[in-house]
Amino acid sequence: MADRKQELEALRDELVDRFDRYKAHKEQRGGPLDKDMEDQSIELQNDEVIEALQQEAEDELRQVRHALERIGDGEGDRCEACGEPIDARRLAALPYTTLCRDCAELR
């Protein structure tokens, strides 16, 4: 469990850094669009990609923090839906999961 907690803490730190980089990029890019229509189109597409990546990082960060809370509460290796143990292979593949495979498939 300690190894998983360390892995999740490292992932959390990486996601926070990534989220901050995306946010800084968006703030830096906040100026007017280029005058060239083609360049404007590229800038808007880039902004959409950055926005999607930022949202993905935020969603994953939320899941990691939730998993860390459950570890802190002593429930990190149990499914939060059914209470059964989560298979170690599932936790190795997806360390921030809080659901066993069966419950995850039902959602």
PDB file of N, CA and C in Angstrom:
ATOM      1  N   MET A   1       0.833  -1.193   0.000  1.00  0.00           N
ATOM      2  CA  MET A   1       0.000   0.000   0.000  1.00  0.00           C
ATOM      3  C   MET A   1       0.878   1.258   0.000  1.00  0.00           C
ATOM      4  N   ALA A   2       2.010   1.213   0.702  1.00  0.00           N
ATOM      5  CA  ALA A   2       2.894   2.373   0.767  1.00  0.00           C
ATOM      6  C   ALA A   2       3.459   2.704  -0.615  1.00  0.00           C
ATOM      7  N   ASP A   3       3.788   1.658  -1.389  1.00  0.00           N
ATOM      8  CA  ASP A   3       4.300   1.884  -2.743  1.00  0.00           C
ATOM      9  C   ASP A   3       3.242   2.555  -3.608  1.00  0.00           C
ATOM     10  N   ARG A   4       2.015   2.093  -3.477  1.00  0.00           N
ATOM     11  CA  ARG A   4       0.914   2.679  -4.264  1.00  0.00           C
ATOM     12  C   ARG A   4       0.694   4.126  -3.865  1.00  0.00           C
ATOM     13  N   LYS A   5       0.759   4.405  -2.573  1.00  0.00           N
ATOM     14  CA  LYS A   5       0.586   5.782  -2.102  1.00  0.00           C
ATOM     15  C   LYS A   5       1.682   6.680  -2.676  1.00  0.00           C
ATOM     16  N   GLN A   6       2.924   6.208  -2.658  1.00  0.00           N
ATOM     17  CA  GLN A   6       4.030   6.987  -3.223  1.00  0.00           C
ATOM     18  C   GLN A   6       3.841   7.205  -4.723  1.00  0.00           C
ATOM     19  N   GLU A   7       3.390   6.166  -5.400  1.00  0.00           N
ATOM     20  CA  GLU A   7       3.140   6.281  -6.846  1.00  0.00           C
ATOM     21  C   GLU A   7       2.044   7.312  -7.120  1.00  0.00           C
ATOM     22  N   LEU A   8       0.973   7.269  -6.327  1.00  0.00           N
ATOM     23  CA  LEU A   8      -0.116   8.229  -6.497  1.00  0.00           C
ATOM     24  C   LEU A   8       0.328   9.651  -6.159  1.00  0.00           C
ATOM     25  N   GLU A   9       1.149   9.809  -5.137  1.00  0.00           N
ATOM     26  CA  GLU A   9       1.647  11.149  -4.791  1.00  0.00           C
ATOM     27  C   GLU A   9       2.524  11.711  -5.902  1.00  0.00           C
ATOM     28  N   ALA A  10       3.365  10.858  -6.498  1.00  0.00           N
ATOM     29  CA  ALA A  10       4.196  11.296  -7.622  1.00  0.00           C
ATOM     30  C   ALA A  10       3.321  11.665  -8.820  1.00  0.00           C
ATOM     31  N   LEU A  11       2.301  10.856  -9.086  1.00  0.00           N
ATOM     32  CA  LEU A  11       1.380  11.145 -10.187  1.00  0.00           C
ATOM     33  C   LEU A  11       0.635  12.442  -9.917  1.00  0.00           C
ATOM     34  N   ARG A  12       0.185  12.639  -8.678  1.00  0.00           N
ATOM     35  CA  ARG A  12      -0.507  13.879  -8.300  1.00  0.00           C
ATOM     36  C   ARG A  12       0.384  15.087  -8.579  1.00  0.00           C
ATOM     37  N   ASP A  13       1.641  15.015  -8.162  1.00  0.00           N
ATOM     38  CA  ASP A  13       2.565  16.134  -8.372  1.00  0.00           C
ATOM     39  C   ASP A  13       2.783  16.402  -9.862  1.00  0.00           C
ATOM     40  N   GLU A  14       2.909  15.328 -10.642  1.00  0.00           N
ATOM     41  CA  GLU A  14       3.075  15.464 -12.093  1.00  0.00           C
ATOM     42  C   GLU A  14       1.845  16.112 -12.723  1.00  0.00           C
ATOM     43  N   LEU A  15       0.665  15.697 -12.297  1.00  0.00           N
ATOM     44  CA  LEU A  15      -0.574  16.255 -12.847  1.00  0.00           C
ATOM     45  C   LEU A  15      -0.749  17.718 -12.463  1.00  0.00           C
ATOM     46  N   VAL A  16      -0.388  18.079 -11.257  1.00  0.00           N
ATOM     47  CA  VAL A  16      -0.456  19.489 -10.834  1.00  0.00           C
ATOM     48  C   VAL A  16       0.470  20.328 -11.695  1.00  0.00           C
ATOM     49  N   ASP A  17       1.686  19.833 -11.927  1.00  0.00           N
ATOM     50  CA  ASP A  17       2.630  20.561 -12.791  1.00  0.00           C
ATOM     51  C   ASP A  17       2.075  20.702 -14.204  1.00  0.00           C
ATOM     52  N   ARG A  18       1.531  19.620 -14.734  1.00  0.00           N
ATOM     53  CA  ARG A  18       0.976  19.637 -16.089  1.00  0.00           C
ATOM     54  C   ARG A  18      -0.189  20.618 -16.178  1.00  0.00           C
ATOM     55  N   PHE A  19      -1.084  20.558 -15.186  1.00  0.00           N
ATOM     56  CA  PHE A  19      -2.234  21.460 -15.160  1.00  0.00           C
ATOM     57  C   PHE A  19      -1.766  22.912 -15.116  1.00  0.00           C
ATOM     58  N   ASP A  20      -0.770  23.197 -14.298  1.00  0.00           N
ATOM     59  CA  ASP A  20      -0.241  24.561 -14.189  1.00  0.00           C
ATOM     60  C   ASP A  20       0.388  25.036 -15.503  1.00  0.00           C
ATOM     61  N   ARG A  21       1.071  24.125 -16.203  1.00  0.00           N
ATOM     62  CA  ARG A  21       1.659  24.490 -17.501  1.00  0.00           C
ATOM     63  C   ARG A  21       0.577  24.826 -18.511  1.00  0.00           C
ATOM     64  N   TYR A  22      -0.491  24.023 -18.551  1.00  0.00           N
ATOM     65  CA  TYR A  22      -1.588  24.302 -19.473  1.00  0.00           C
ATOM     66  C   TYR A  22      -2.240  25.639 -19.141  1.00  0.00           C
ATOM     67  N   LYS A  23      -2.437  25.884 -17.860  1.00  0.00           N
ATOM     68  CA  LYS A  23      -3.048  27.130 -17.424  1.00  0.00           C
ATOM     69  C   LYS A  23      -2.170  28.323 -17.798  1.00  0.00           C
ATOM     70  N   ALA A  24      -0.875  28.196 -17.578  1.00  0.00           N
ATOM     71  CA  ALA A  24       0.061  29.278 -17.926  1.00  0.00           C
ATOM     72  C   ALA A  24       0.063  29.521 -19.429  1.00  0.00           C
ATOM     73  N   HIS A  25      -0.005  28.447 -20.212  1.00  0.00           N
ATOM     74  CA  HIS A  25      -0.035  28.590 -21.669  1.00  0.00           C
ATOM     75  C   HIS A  25      -1.278  29.355 -22.100  1.00  0.00           C
ATOM     76  N   LYS A  26      -2.425  29.009 -21.500  1.00  0.00           N
ATOM     77  CA  LYS A  26      -3.667  29.695 -21.849  1.00  0.00           C
ATOM     78  C   LYS A  26      -3.596  31.177 -21.480  1.00  0.00           C
ATOM     79  N   GLU A  27      -3.035  31.485 -20.316  1.00  0.00           N
ATOM     80  CA  GLU A  27      -2.924  32.881 -19.882  1.00  0.00           C
ATOM     81  C   GLU A  27      -1.965  33.649 -20.779  1.00  0.00           C
ATOM     82  N   GLN A  28      -0.884  33.001 -21.158  1.00  0.00           N
ATOM     83  CA  GLN A  28       0.108  33.625 -22.029  1.00  0.00           C
ATOM     84  C   GLN A  28      -0.476  33.880 -23.413  1.00  0.00           C
ATOM     85  N   ARG A  29      -1.329  32.998 -23.859  1.00  0.00           N
ATOM     86  CA  ARG A  29      -1.925  33.074 -25.184  1.00  0.00           C
ATOM     87  C   ARG A  29      -3.124  34.026 -25.214  1.00  0.00           C
ATOM     88  N   GLY A  30      -3.457  34.654 -24.112  1.00  0.00           N
ATOM     89  CA  GLY A  30      -4.681  35.430 -23.973  1.00  0.00           C
ATOM     90  C   GLY A  30      -4.822  36.653 -24.853  1.00  0.00           C
ATOM     91  N   GLY A  31      -3.841  36.980 -25.643  1.00  0.00           N
ATOM     92  CA  GLY A  31      -3.904  38.172 -26.479  1.00  0.00           C
ATOM     93  C   GLY A  31      -4.803  37.991 -27.690  1.00  0.00           C
ATOM     94  N   PRO A  32      -4.831  39.009 -28.547  1.00  0.00           N
ATOM     95  CA  PRO A  32      -5.686  38.944 -29.737  1.00  0.00           C
ATOM     96  C   PRO A  32      -5.201  37.878 -30.715  1.00  0.00           C
ATOM     97  N   LEU A  33      -6.113  37.425 -31.527  1.00  0.00           N
ATOM     98  CA  LEU A  33      -5.778  36.439 -32.548  1.00  0.00           C
ATOM     99  C   LEU A  33      -4.951  37.081 -33.652  1.00  0.00           C
ATOM    100  N   ASP A  34      -4.210  36.250 -34.339  1.00  0.00           N
ATOM    101  CA  ASP A  34      -3.423  36.684 -35.481  1.00  0.00           C
ATOM    102  C   ASP A  34      -4.356  37.255 -36.544  1.00  0.00           C
ATOM    103  N   LYS A  35      -3.835  38.158 -37.362  1.00  0.00           N
ATOM    104  CA  LYS A  35      -4.664  38.777 -38.410  1.00  0.00           C
ATOM    105  C   LYS A  35      -4.956  37.831 -39.564  1.00  0.00           C
ATOM    106  N   ASP A  36      -4.067  36.884 -39.803  1.00  0.00           N
ATOM    107  CA  ASP A  36      -4.236  35.930 -40.883  1.00  0.00           C
ATOM    108  C   ASP A  36      -5.286  34.880 -40.478  1.00  0.00           C
ATOM    109  N   MET A  37      -6.290  34.680 -41.303  1.00  0.00           N
ATOM    110  CA  MET A  37      -7.386  33.752 -40.989  1.00  0.00           C
ATOM    111  C   MET A  37      -6.893  32.316 -40.772  1.00  0.00           C
ATOM    112  N   GLU A  38      -5.936  31.889 -41.576  1.00  0.00           N
ATOM    113  CA  GLU A  38      -5.404  30.535 -41.428  1.00  0.00           C
ATOM    114  C   GLU A  38      -4.696  30.394 -40.085  1.00  0.00           C
ATOM    115  N   ASP A  39      -3.918  31.396 -39.715  1.00  0.00           N
ATOM    116  CA  ASP A  39      -3.231  31.376 -38.422  1.00  0.00           C
ATOM    117  C   ASP A  39      -4.238  31.434 -37.267  1.00  0.00           C
ATOM    118  N   GLN A  40      -5.315  32.185 -37.447  1.00  0.00           N
ATOM    119  CA  GLN A  40      -6.360  32.237 -36.420  1.00  0.00           C
ATOM    120  C   GLN A  40      -6.963  30.850 -36.211  1.00  0.00           C
ATOM    121  N   SER A  41      -7.207  30.171 -37.305  1.00  0.00           N
ATOM    122  CA  SER A  41      -7.790  28.834 -37.232  1.00  0.00           C
ATOM    123  C   SER A  41      -6.867  27.892 -36.466  1.00  0.00           C
ATOM    124  N   ILE A  42      -5.583  27.951 -36.754  1.00  0.00           N
ATOM    125  CA  ILE A  42      -4.599  27.107 -36.064  1.00  0.00           C
ATOM    126  C   ILE A  42      -4.545  27.467 -34.584  1.00  0.00           C
ATOM    127  N   GLU A  43      -4.556  28.768 -34.276  1.00  0.00           N
ATOM    128  CA  GLU A  43      -4.521  29.200 -32.883  1.00  0.00           C
ATOM    129  C   GLU A  43      -5.742  28.688 -32.123  1.00  0.00           C
ATOM    130  N   LEU A  44      -6.900  28.767 -32.736  1.00  0.00           N
ATOM    131  CA  LEU A  44      -8.124  28.292 -32.087  1.00  0.00           C
ATOM    132  C   LEU A  44      -8.097  26.777 -31.882  1.00  0.00           C
ATOM    133  N   GLN A  45      -7.587  26.044 -32.870  1.00  0.00           N
ATOM    134  CA  GLN A  45      -7.470  24.591 -32.715  1.00  0.00           C
ATOM    135  C   GLN A  45      -6.506  24.255 -31.586  1.00  0.00           C
ATOM    136  N   ASN A  46      -5.386  24.963 -31.526  1.00  0.00           N
ATOM    137  CA  ASN A  46      -4.409  24.744 -30.456  1.00  0.00           C
ATOM    138  C   ASN A  46      -5.038  25.028 -29.095  1.00  0.00           C
ATOM    139  N   ASP A  47      -5.811  26.102 -29.016  1.00  0.00           N
ATOM    140  CA  ASP A  47      -6.482  26.449 -27.760  1.00  0.00           C
ATOM    141  C   ASP A  47      -7.440  25.337 -27.336  1.00  0.00           C
ATOM    142  N   GLU A  48      -8.156  24.760 -28.294  1.00  0.00           N
ATOM    143  CA  GLU A  48      -9.087  23.672 -27.988  1.00  0.00           C
ATOM    144  C   GLU A  48      -8.343  22.443 -27.481  1.00  0.00           C
ATOM    145  N   VAL A  49      -7.204  22.144 -28.090  1.00  0.00           N
ATOM    146  CA  VAL A  49      -6.404  20.990 -27.656  1.00  0.00           C
ATOM    147  C   VAL A  49      -5.883  21.217 -26.239  1.00  0.00           C
ATOM    148  N   ILE A  50      -5.351  22.400 -25.983  1.00  0.00           N
ATOM    149  CA  ILE A  50      -4.845  22.727 -24.646  1.00  0.00           C
ATOM    150  C   ILE A  50      -5.970  22.629 -23.623  1.00  0.00           C
ATOM    151  N   GLU A  51      -7.142  23.140 -23.966  1.00  0.00           N
ATOM    152  CA  GLU A  51      -8.295  23.083 -23.067  1.00  0.00           C
ATOM    153  C   GLU A  51      -8.666  21.629 -22.756  1.00  0.00           C
ATOM    154  N   ALA A  52      -8.675  20.779 -23.771  1.00  0.00           N
ATOM    155  CA  ALA A  52      -9.005  19.362 -23.571  1.00  0.00           C
ATOM    156  C   ALA A  52      -7.959  18.671 -22.704  1.00  0.00           C
ATOM    157  N   LEU A  53      -6.686  18.962 -22.945  1.00  0.00           N
ATOM    158  CA  LEU A  53      -5.613  18.373 -22.142  1.00  0.00           C
ATOM    159  C   LEU A  53      -5.691  18.842 -20.692  1.00  0.00           C
ATOM    160  N   GLN A  54      -6.012  20.113 -20.504  1.00  0.00           N
ATOM    161  CA  GLN A  54      -6.142  20.649 -19.153  1.00  0.00           C
ATOM    162  C   GLN A  54      -7.306  19.973 -18.429  1.00  0.00           C
ATOM    163  N   GLN A  55      -8.422  19.790 -19.112  1.00  0.00           N
ATOM    164  CA  GLN A  55      -9.579  19.134 -18.499  1.00  0.00           C
ATOM    165  C   GLN A  55      -9.261  17.687 -18.142  1.00  0.00           C
ATOM    166  N   GLU A  56      -8.543  17.008 -19.032  1.00  0.00           N
ATOM    167  CA  GLU A  56      -8.149  15.625 -18.781  1.00  0.00           C
ATOM    168  C   GLU A  56      -7.245  15.532 -17.553  1.00  0.00           C
ATOM    169  N   ALA A  57      -6.284  16.439 -17.445  1.00  0.00           N
ATOM    170  CA  ALA A  57      -5.388  16.462 -16.282  1.00  0.00           C
ATOM    171  C   ALA A  57      -6.166  16.752 -15.009  1.00  0.00           C
ATOM    172  N   GLU A  58      -7.112  17.668 -15.079  1.00  0.00           N
ATOM    173  CA  GLU A  58      -7.928  18.007 -13.912  1.00  0.00           C
ATOM    174  C   GLU A  58      -8.778  16.816 -13.467  1.00  0.00           C
ATOM    175  N   ASP A  59      -9.371  16.103 -14.415  1.00  0.00           N
ATOM    176  CA  ASP A  59     -10.193  14.931 -14.094  1.00  0.00           C
ATOM    177  C   ASP A  59      -9.337  13.834 -13.450  1.00  0.00           C
ATOM    178  N   GLU A  60      -8.176  13.575 -14.026  1.00  0.00           N
ATOM    179  CA  GLU A  60      -7.300  12.541 -13.491  1.00  0.00           C
ATOM    180  C   GLU A  60      -6.789  12.945 -12.105  1.00  0.00           C
ATOM    181  N   LEU A  61      -6.478  14.222 -11.928  1.00  0.00           N
ATOM    182  CA  LEU A  61      -6.019  14.723 -10.636  1.00  0.00           C
ATOM    183  C   LEU A  61      -7.093  14.524  -9.569  1.00  0.00           C
ATOM    184  N   ARG A  62      -8.336  14.772  -9.921  1.00  0.00           N
ATOM    185  CA  ARG A  62      -9.442  14.569  -8.988  1.00  0.00           C
ATOM    186  C   ARG A  62      -9.511  13.092  -8.562  1.00  0.00           C
ATOM    187  N   GLN A  63      -9.342  12.186  -9.507  1.00  0.00           N
ATOM    188  CA  GLN A  63      -9.380  10.754  -9.207  1.00  0.00           C
ATOM    189  C   GLN A  63      -8.202  10.344  -8.313  1.00  0.00           C
ATOM    190  N   VAL A  64      -7.035  10.890  -8.592  1.00  0.00           N
ATOM    191  CA  VAL A  64      -5.844  10.567  -7.792  1.00  0.00           C
ATOM    192  C   VAL A  64      -6.030  11.062  -6.359  1.00  0.00           C
ATOM    193  N   ARG A  65      -6.509  12.273  -6.208  1.00  0.00           N
ATOM    194  CA  ARG A  65      -6.727  12.805  -4.857  1.00  0.00           C
ATOM    195  C   ARG A  65      -7.761  11.973  -4.094  1.00  0.00           C
ATOM    196  N   HIS A  66      -8.798  11.538  -4.782  1.00  0.00           N
ATOM    197  CA  HIS A  66      -9.821  10.707  -4.150  1.00  0.00           C
ATOM    198  C   HIS A  66      -9.211   9.371  -3.698  1.00  0.00           C
ATOM    199  N   ALA A  67      -8.393   8.771  -4.546  1.00  0.00           N
ATOM    200  CA  ALA A  67      -7.748   7.502  -4.196  1.00  0.00           C
ATOM    201  C   ALA A  67      -6.814   7.688  -2.999  1.00  0.00           C
ATOM    202  N   LEU A  68      -6.091   8.808  -2.958  1.00  0.00           N
ATOM    203  CA  LEU A  68      -5.204   9.079  -1.819  1.00  0.00           C
ATOM    204  C   LEU A  68      -6.002   9.257  -0.522  1.00  0.00           C
ATOM    205  N   GLU A  69      -7.149   9.901  -0.609  1.00  0.00           N
ATOM    206  CA  GLU A  69      -8.016  10.040   0.564  1.00  0.00           C
ATOM    207  C   GLU A  69      -8.451   8.667   1.070  1.00  0.00           C
ATOM    208  N   ARG A  70      -8.825   7.802   0.138  1.00  0.00           N
ATOM    209  CA  ARG A  70      -9.269   6.454   0.526  1.00  0.00           C
ATOM    210  C   ARG A  70      -8.125   5.658   1.149  1.00  0.00           C
ATOM    211  N   ILE A  71      -6.909   5.825   0.644  1.00  0.00           N
ATOM    212  CA  ILE A  71      -5.754   5.163   1.249  1.00  0.00           C
ATOM    213  C   ILE A  71      -5.553   5.696   2.660  1.00  0.00           C
ATOM    214  N   GLY A  72      -5.662   7.013   2.825  1.00  0.00           N
ATOM    215  CA  GLY A  72      -5.531   7.619   4.148  1.00  0.00           C
ATOM    216  C   GLY A  72      -6.570   7.116   5.131  1.00  0.00           C
ATOM    217  N   ASP A  73      -7.736   6.772   4.620  1.00  0.00           N
ATOM    218  CA  ASP A  73      -8.822   6.247   5.463  1.00  0.00           C
ATOM    219  C   ASP A  73      -8.718   4.730   5.658  1.00  0.00           C
ATOM    220  N   GLY A  74      -7.701   4.115   5.059  1.00  0.00           N
ATOM    221  CA  GLY A  74      -7.524   2.670   5.180  1.00  0.00           C
ATOM    222  C   GLY A  74      -8.412   1.865   4.259  1.00  0.00           C
ATOM    223  N   GLU A  75      -8.988   2.496   3.241  1.00  0.00           N
ATOM    224  CA  GLU A  75      -9.910   1.817   2.331  1.00  0.00           C
ATOM    225  C   GLU A  75      -9.385   1.730   0.899  1.00  0.00           C
ATOM    226  N   GLY A  76      -8.128   2.017   0.690  1.00  0.00           N
ATOM    227  CA  GLY A  76      -7.587   2.163  -0.654  1.00  0.00           C
ATOM    228  C   GLY A  76      -7.582   0.932  -1.521  1.00  0.00           C
ATOM    229  N   ASP A  77      -7.630  -0.255  -0.914  1.00  0.00           N
ATOM    230  CA  ASP A  77      -7.595  -1.467  -1.727  1.00  0.00           C
ATOM    231  C   ASP A  77      -8.946  -2.168  -1.775  1.00  0.00           C
ATOM    232  N   ARG A  78      -9.988  -1.498  -1.334  1.00  0.00           N
ATOM    233  CA  ARG A  78     -11.350  -2.046  -1.358  1.00  0.00           C
ATOM    234  C   ARG A  78     -12.209  -1.236  -2.314  1.00  0.00           C
ATOM    235  N   CYS A  79     -13.092  -1.926  -3.010  1.00  0.00           N
ATOM    236  CA  CYS A  79     -14.010  -1.278  -3.952  1.00  0.00           C
ATOM    237  C   CYS A  79     -14.977  -0.391  -3.180  1.00  0.00           C
ATOM    238  N   GLU A  80     -15.123   0.844  -3.607  1.00  0.00           N
ATOM    239  CA  GLU A  80     -16.017   1.745  -2.891  1.00  0.00           C
ATOM    240  C   GLU A  80     -17.485   1.462  -3.194  1.00  0.00           C
ATOM    241  N   ALA A  81     -17.769   0.625  -4.166  1.00  0.00           N
ATOM    242  CA  ALA A  81     -19.158   0.273  -4.473  1.00  0.00           C
ATOM    243  C   ALA A  81     -19.610  -0.983  -3.722  1.00  0.00           C
ATOM    244  N   CYS A  82     -18.809  -2.036  -3.793  1.00  0.00           N
ATOM    245  CA  CYS A  82     -19.235  -3.311  -3.199  1.00  0.00           C
ATOM    246  C   CYS A  82     -18.442  -3.706  -1.961  1.00  0.00           C
ATOM    247  N   GLY A  83     -17.300  -3.065  -1.718  1.00  0.00           N
ATOM    248  CA  GLY A  83     -16.501  -3.362  -0.534  1.00  0.00           C
ATOM    249  C   GLY A  83     -15.538  -4.528  -0.682  1.00  0.00           C
ATOM    250  N   GLU A  84     -15.582  -5.195  -1.818  1.00  0.00           N
ATOM    251  CA  GLU A  84     -14.663  -6.321  -2.064  1.00  0.00           C
ATOM    252  C   GLU A  84     -13.262  -5.787  -2.383  1.00  0.00           C
ATOM    253  N   PRO A  85     -12.230  -6.605  -2.144  1.00  0.00           N
ATOM    254  CA  PRO A  85     -10.867  -6.172  -2.488  1.00  0.00           C
ATOM    255  C   PRO A  85     -10.724  -5.923  -3.990  1.00  0.00           C
ATOM    256  N   ILE A  86      -9.963  -4.896  -4.340  1.00  0.00           N
ATOM    257  CA  ILE A  86      -9.656  -4.613  -5.750  1.00  0.00           C
ATOM    258  C   ILE A  86      -8.428  -5.439  -6.104  1.00  0.00           C
ATOM    259  N   ASP A  87      -8.513  -6.152  -7.200  1.00  0.00           N
ATOM    260  CA  ASP A  87      -7.415  -7.008  -7.648  1.00  0.00           C
ATOM    261  C   ASP A  87      -6.124  -6.190  -7.771  1.00  0.00           C
ATOM    262  N   ALA A  88      -5.023  -6.749  -7.276  1.00  0.00           N
ATOM    263  CA  ALA A  88      -3.731  -6.059  -7.291  1.00  0.00           C
ATOM    264  C   ALA A  88      -3.288  -5.719  -8.714  1.00  0.00           C
ATOM    265  N   ARG A  89      -3.629  -6.569  -9.671  1.00  0.00           N
ATOM    266  CA  ARG A  89      -3.261  -6.288 -11.068  1.00  0.00           C
ATOM    267  C   ARG A  89      -4.003  -5.062 -11.581  1.00  0.00           C
ATOM    268  N   ARG A  90      -5.248  -4.902 -11.168  1.00  0.00           N
ATOM    269  CA  ARG A  90      -6.022  -3.715 -11.571  1.00  0.00           C
ATOM    270  C   ARG A  90      -5.411  -2.465 -10.953  1.00  0.00           C
ATOM    271  N   LEU A  91      -5.031  -2.556  -9.671  1.00  0.00           N
ATOM    272  CA  LEU A  91      -4.406  -1.411  -9.004  1.00  0.00           C
ATOM    273  C   LEU A  91      -3.059  -1.073  -9.620  1.00  0.00           C
ATOM    274  N   ALA A  92      -2.333  -2.086 -10.070  1.00  0.00           N
ATOM    275  CA  ALA A  92      -1.038  -1.839 -10.711  1.00  0.00           C
ATOM    276  C   ALA A  92      -1.228  -1.124 -12.050  1.00  0.00           C
ATOM    277  N   ALA A  93      -2.270  -1.510 -12.775  1.00  0.00           N
ATOM    278  CA  ALA A  93      -2.524  -0.910 -14.086  1.00  0.00           C
ATOM    279  C   ALA A  93      -3.163   0.469 -13.967  1.00  0.00           C
ATOM    280  N   LEU A  94      -4.013   0.654 -12.966  1.00  0.00           N
ATOM    281  CA  LEU A  94      -4.766   1.895 -12.795  1.00  0.00           C
ATOM    282  C   LEU A  94      -4.735   2.252 -11.303  1.00  0.00           C
ATOM    283  N   PRO A  95      -3.616   2.806 -10.831  1.00  0.00           N
ATOM    284  CA  PRO A  95      -3.419   2.974  -9.384  1.00  0.00           C
ATOM    285  C   PRO A  95      -4.451   3.859  -8.695  1.00  0.00           C
ATOM    286  N   TYR A  96      -5.140   4.703  -9.429  1.00  0.00           N
ATOM    287  CA  TYR A  96      -6.118   5.588  -8.794  1.00  0.00           C
ATOM    288  C   TYR A  96      -7.549   5.051  -8.872  1.00  0.00           C
ATOM    289  N   THR A  97      -7.699   3.802  -9.285  1.00  0.00           N
ATOM    290  CA  THR A  97      -9.041   3.248  -9.334  1.00  0.00           C
ATOM    291  C   THR A  97      -9.584   3.048  -7.922  1.00  0.00           C
ATOM    292  N   THR A  98     -10.881   3.195  -7.788  1.00  0.00           N
ATOM    293  CA  THR A  98     -11.534   2.960  -6.500  1.00  0.00           C
ATOM    294  C   THR A  98     -12.639   1.911  -6.648  1.00  0.00           C
ATOM    295  N   LEU A  99     -12.686   1.304  -7.825  1.00  0.00           N
ATOM    296  CA  LEU A  99     -13.712   0.295  -8.109  1.00  0.00           C
ATOM    297  C   LEU A  99     -13.061  -0.994  -8.576  1.00  0.00           C
ATOM    298  N   CYS A 100     -13.640  -2.116  -8.157  1.00  0.00           N
ATOM    299  CA  CYS A 100     -13.198  -3.395  -8.694  1.00  0.00           C
ATOM    300  C   CYS A 100     -13.639  -3.471 -10.162  1.00  0.00           C
ATOM    301  N   ARG A 101     -13.127  -4.449 -10.848  1.00  0.00           N
ATOM    302  CA  ARG A 101     -13.433  -4.562 -12.276  1.00  0.00           C
ATOM    303  C   ARG A 101     -14.923  -4.744 -12.528  1.00  0.00           C
ATOM    304  N   ASP A 102     -15.564  -5.596 -11.740  1.00  0.00           N
ATOM    305  CA  ASP A 102     -16.994  -5.865 -11.941  1.00  0.00           C
ATOM    306  C   ASP A 102     -17.823  -4.588 -11.755  1.00  0.00           C
ATOM    307  N   CYS A 103     -17.562  -3.836 -10.700  1.00  0.00           N
ATOM    308  CA  CYS A 103     -18.335  -2.599 -10.448  1.00  0.00           C
ATOM    309  C   CYS A 103     -18.028  -1.533 -11.496  1.00  0.00           C
ATOM    310  N   ALA A 104     -16.786  -1.485 -11.942  1.00  0.00           N
ATOM    311  CA  ALA A 104     -16.419  -0.510 -12.970  1.00  0.00           C
ATOM    312  C   ALA A 104     -17.159  -0.802 -14.275  1.00  0.00           C
ATOM    313  N   GLU A 105     -17.336  -2.080 -14.589  1.00  0.00           N
ATOM    314  CA  GLU A 105     -18.035  -2.446 -15.819  1.00  0.00           C
ATOM    315  C   GLU A 105     -19.519  -2.111 -15.756  1.00  0.00           C
ATOM    316  N   LEU A 106     -20.077  -2.067 -14.546  1.00  0.00           N
ATOM    317  CA  LEU A 106     -21.493  -1.755 -14.373  1.00  0.00           C
ATOM    318  C   LEU A 106     -21.776  -0.266 -14.523  1.00  0.00           C
ATOM    319  N   ARG A 107     -20.768   0.552 -14.378  1.00  0.00           N
ATOM    320  CA  ARG A 107     -20.971   2.011 -14.441  1.00  0.00           C
ATOM    321  C   ARG A 107     -20.878   2.536 -15.823  1.00  0.00           C
TER     322      ARG A 107
END
